[in-house]
């Protein structure tokens, strides 16, 4: 009634593994994105 919006989130069960994978390919993914390939690298959704 007061307009307050709440959002609840939680980490994926394999969040640490996912973070390691993203760190390992971050430069390659940025280079790909800047070259115009804007396909998603999110294989978890």
C-alpha atoms as a PDB file:
ATOM      1  CA  UNK A   1       0.000   0.000   0.000  1.00  0.00           C
ATOM      2  CA  UNK A   2       2.911   2.431   0.530  1.00  0.00           C
ATOM      3  CA  UNK A   3       4.564   1.746  -2.862  1.00  0.00           C
ATOM      4  CA  UNK A   4       7.529  -0.132  -1.404  1.00  0.00           C
ATOM      5  CA  UNK A   5       8.976  -2.594  -3.908  1.00  0.00           C
ATOM      6  CA  UNK A   6      11.069  -5.496  -2.624  1.00  0.00           C
ATOM      7  CA  UNK A   7      13.200  -7.864  -4.657  1.00  0.00           C
ATOM      8  CA  UNK A   8      14.634 -11.044  -3.201  1.00  0.00           C
ATOM      9  CA  UNK A   9      17.563 -12.757  -4.882  1.00  0.00           C
ATOM     10  CA  UNK A  10      19.858 -15.641  -4.158  1.00  0.00           C
ATOM     11  CA  UNK A  11      23.036 -17.005  -5.672  1.00  0.00           C
ATOM     12  CA  UNK A  12      22.997 -19.883  -8.103  1.00  0.00           C
ATOM     13  CA  UNK A  13      24.125 -23.084  -6.328  1.00  0.00           C
ATOM     14  CA  UNK A  14      27.274 -23.086  -8.489  1.00  0.00           C
ATOM     15  CA  UNK A  15      27.974 -19.335  -8.214  1.00  0.00           C
ATOM     16  CA  UNK A  16      31.675 -19.797  -7.405  1.00  0.00           C
ATOM     17  CA  UNK A  17      32.204 -22.061 -10.425  1.00  0.00           C
ATOM     18  CA  UNK A  18      30.321 -19.653 -12.692  1.00  0.00           C
ATOM     19  CA  UNK A  19      32.369 -16.691 -11.436  1.00  0.00           C
ATOM     20  CA  UNK A  20      35.633 -18.548 -12.161  1.00  0.00           C
ATOM     21  CA  UNK A  21      34.453 -19.334 -15.696  1.00  0.00           C
ATOM     22  CA  UNK A  22      33.432 -15.711 -16.345  1.00  0.00           C
ATOM     23  CA  UNK A  23      36.764 -14.391 -15.049  1.00  0.00           C
ATOM     24  CA  UNK A  24      38.680 -16.849 -17.227  1.00  0.00           C
ATOM     25  CA  UNK A  25      37.051 -15.661 -20.460  1.00  0.00           C
ATOM     26  CA  UNK A  26      36.283 -12.008 -19.649  1.00  0.00           C
ATOM     27  CA  UNK A  27      38.780 -10.466 -22.089  1.00  0.00           C
ATOM     28  CA  UNK A  28      37.771 -12.787 -24.910  1.00  0.00           C
ATOM     29  CA  UNK A  29      34.078 -12.103 -24.289  1.00  0.00           C
ATOM     30  CA  UNK A  30      34.620  -8.331 -24.259  1.00  0.00           C
ATOM     31  CA  UNK A  31      36.592  -8.501 -27.509  1.00  0.00           C
ATOM     32  CA  UNK A  32      33.805 -10.575 -29.091  1.00  0.00           C
ATOM     33  CA  UNK A  33      31.144  -8.121 -27.890  1.00  0.00           C
ATOM     34  CA  UNK A  34      33.055  -5.067 -29.126  1.00  0.00           C
ATOM     35  CA  UNK A  35      33.479  -6.759 -32.518  1.00  0.00           C
ATOM     36  CA  UNK A  36      29.691  -6.807 -32.843  1.00  0.00           C
ATOM     37  CA  UNK A  37      28.777 -10.300 -31.666  1.00  0.00           C
ATOM     38  CA  UNK A  38      26.148  -9.522 -29.046  1.00  0.00           C
ATOM     39  CA  UNK A  39      24.917 -13.056 -28.464  1.00  0.00           C
ATOM     40  CA  UNK A  40      24.430 -13.921 -24.817  1.00  0.00           C
ATOM     41  CA  UNK A  41      27.171 -15.726 -22.937  1.00  0.00           C
ATOM     42  CA  UNK A  42      24.717 -16.662 -20.193  1.00  0.00           C
ATOM     43  CA  UNK A  43      24.239 -20.412 -20.508  1.00  0.00           C
ATOM     44  CA  UNK A  44      22.474 -20.640 -17.141  1.00  0.00           C
ATOM     45  CA  UNK A  45      19.166 -19.021 -18.203  1.00  0.00           C
END
